[in-house]
């Protein structure tokens, strides 16, 4: 709850300073390599029942187009306590394409079992 409050308190200033951007996940209105980090929270993997594996892969590729690294949290499907069924196939495909994918434990757990994030780094070019 403290992390959520900190984010919400910072959001208005962050938007005015250009630290937060909103866009469609498969077509971000930003130039290539604009940021070091892009964060996706409570969207990808959470709604696996609504969005395909391909949608997830395309969204993560797009995040990595605009940033060196993408972090996605949580990895649970539909607010359950289980990883999304899309997680393994998405990570396999991105790894096959040269992206670096790793699961990292995080200190917060908004939902039971939701204490991991996926870190994805774009291929070096």
Protein backbone atom coordinates (compact mmCIF):
# COMPACT_ATOMS: atom_id res chain seq x y z
CA UNK A 1 0.00 0.00 0.00
CA UNK A 2 2.90 2.35 0.73
CA UNK A 3 4.30 1.81 -2.79
CA UNK A 4 0.91 2.53 -4.34
CA UNK A 5 0.52 5.71 -2.26
CA UNK A 6 4.02 6.87 -3.19
CA UNK A 7 3.24 6.36 -6.89
CA UNK A 8 -0.13 8.13 -6.70
CA UNK A 9 1.39 11.03 -4.77
CA UNK A 10 4.12 11.37 -7.39
CA UNK A 11 1.90 10.93 -10.46
CA UNK A 12 0.76 14.55 -11.02
CA UNK A 13 4.30 15.94 -10.70
CA UNK A 14 5.72 13.04 -12.72
CA UNK A 15 3.30 13.71 -15.56
CA UNK A 16 4.12 17.44 -15.58
CA UNK A 17 7.85 16.65 -15.59
CA UNK A 18 7.46 14.10 -18.40
CA UNK A 19 8.47 11.09 -16.27
CA UNK A 20 5.19 9.24 -16.95
CA UNK A 21 3.73 8.65 -20.41
CA UNK A 22 0.50 7.02 -21.48
CA UNK A 23 0.14 5.21 -24.78
CA UNK A 24 -1.18 2.07 -26.41
CA UNK A 25 1.09 -0.81 -25.55
CA UNK A 26 1.70 -1.89 -29.14
CA UNK A 27 2.30 1.59 -30.58
CA UNK A 28 3.90 3.89 -28.03
CA UNK A 29 4.11 7.51 -29.23
CA UNK A 30 7.81 7.75 -28.37
CA UNK A 31 11.10 7.61 -30.28
CA UNK A 32 13.40 4.59 -30.22
CA UNK A 33 15.66 4.28 -27.18
CA UNK A 34 14.13 7.30 -25.45
CA UNK A 35 14.30 5.83 -21.93
CA UNK A 36 16.41 3.57 -19.80
CA UNK A 37 13.38 1.93 -18.19
CA UNK A 38 9.71 1.35 -18.99
CA UNK A 39 7.34 -0.13 -16.40
CA UNK A 40 4.07 -1.96 -17.00
CA UNK A 41 2.02 -2.47 -13.87
CA UNK A 42 -1.14 -4.53 -13.47
CA UNK A 43 -1.87 -4.91 -17.18
CA UNK A 44 0.21 -7.45 -19.10
CA UNK A 45 -0.24 -11.00 -17.77
CA UNK A 46 -3.00 -9.81 -15.42
CA UNK A 47 -5.54 -9.93 -18.25
CA UNK A 48 -4.29 -13.06 -20.00
CA UNK A 49 -7.88 -14.17 -20.49
CA UNK A 50 -8.47 -11.08 -22.68
CA UNK A 51 -5.15 -10.64 -24.51
CA UNK A 52 -3.26 -13.23 -26.56
CA UNK A 53 0.32 -14.41 -26.21
CA UNK A 54 1.10 -12.49 -29.42
CA UNK A 55 -0.34 -9.29 -27.91
CA UNK A 56 1.95 -9.71 -24.89
CA UNK A 57 5.02 -10.36 -27.07
CA UNK A 58 4.27 -7.39 -29.34
CA UNK A 59 3.69 -5.11 -26.33
CA UNK A 60 6.98 -6.10 -24.69
CA UNK A 61 8.88 -5.68 -27.97
CA UNK A 62 7.42 -2.17 -28.21
CA UNK A 63 8.39 -1.33 -24.64
CA UNK A 64 11.92 -2.51 -25.40
CA UNK A 65 11.96 -0.38 -28.55
CA UNK A 66 11.60 2.78 -26.47
CA UNK A 67 13.66 1.66 -23.45
CA UNK A 68 16.72 -0.39 -22.68
CA UNK A 69 14.72 -2.46 -20.20
CA UNK A 70 11.07 -3.28 -19.50
CA UNK A 71 9.76 -4.40 -16.13
CA UNK A 72 6.36 -6.06 -15.85
CA UNK A 73 4.56 -6.63 -12.56
CA UNK A 74 2.70 -8.63 -11.37
CA UNK A 75 2.85 -11.86 -13.35
CA UNK A 76 -0.39 -13.31 -12.03
CA UNK A 77 -3.39 -14.06 -14.22
CA UNK A 78 -6.72 -12.38 -13.56
CA UNK A 79 -5.95 -11.45 -9.99
CA UNK A 80 -5.31 -15.07 -9.02
CA UNK A 81 -2.34 -16.38 -7.08
CA UNK A 82 -0.92 -18.25 -10.09
CA UNK A 83 1.42 -17.07 -12.84
CA UNK A 84 -0.27 -16.25 -16.12
CA UNK A 85 -0.28 -19.16 -18.57
CA UNK A 86 1.24 -16.69 -21.07
CA UNK A 87 4.38 -16.06 -19.01
CA UNK A 88 6.45 -19.08 -20.07
CA UNK A 89 5.59 -18.94 -23.80
CA UNK A 90 6.20 -15.17 -23.92
CA UNK A 91 9.58 -15.47 -22.18
CA UNK A 92 10.58 -18.39 -24.43
CA UNK A 93 9.78 -16.48 -27.62
CA UNK A 94 11.47 -13.28 -26.52
CA UNK A 95 14.56 -15.24 -25.43
CA UNK A 96 14.59 -16.98 -28.81
CA UNK A 97 14.57 -13.52 -30.44
CA UNK A 98 17.61 -12.44 -28.40
CA UNK A 99 15.92 -10.57 -25.55
CA UNK A 100 17.17 -11.22 -22.04
CA UNK A 101 14.32 -12.29 -19.77
CA UNK A 102 14.61 -12.84 -16.04
CA UNK A 103 12.22 -13.27 -13.16
CA UNK A 104 13.11 -11.24 -10.11
CA UNK A 105 11.59 -11.31 -6.66
CA UNK A 106 10.25 -7.96 -5.46
CA UNK A 107 9.78 -6.79 -1.86
CA UNK A 108 6.09 -5.96 -2.26
CA UNK A 109 3.21 -8.36 -2.67
CA UNK A 110 -0.05 -6.59 -3.58
CA UNK A 111 -1.68 -9.98 -4.16
CA UNK A 112 -0.91 -13.35 -2.63
CA UNK A 113 1.85 -14.90 -4.74
CA UNK A 114 2.43 -11.68 -6.69
CA UNK A 115 6.00 -11.02 -5.60
CA UNK A 116 7.86 -11.38 -8.90
CA UNK A 117 8.45 -9.18 -11.89
CA UNK A 118 9.67 -9.95 -15.39
CA UNK A 119 12.69 -7.93 -16.50
CA UNK A 120 13.24 -7.87 -20.24
CA UNK A 121 16.26 -6.26 -21.90
CA UNK A 122 16.35 -5.64 -25.62
CA UNK A 123 18.89 -7.40 -27.82
CA UNK A 124 22.11 -5.49 -28.32
CA UNK A 125 22.33 -4.04 -31.79
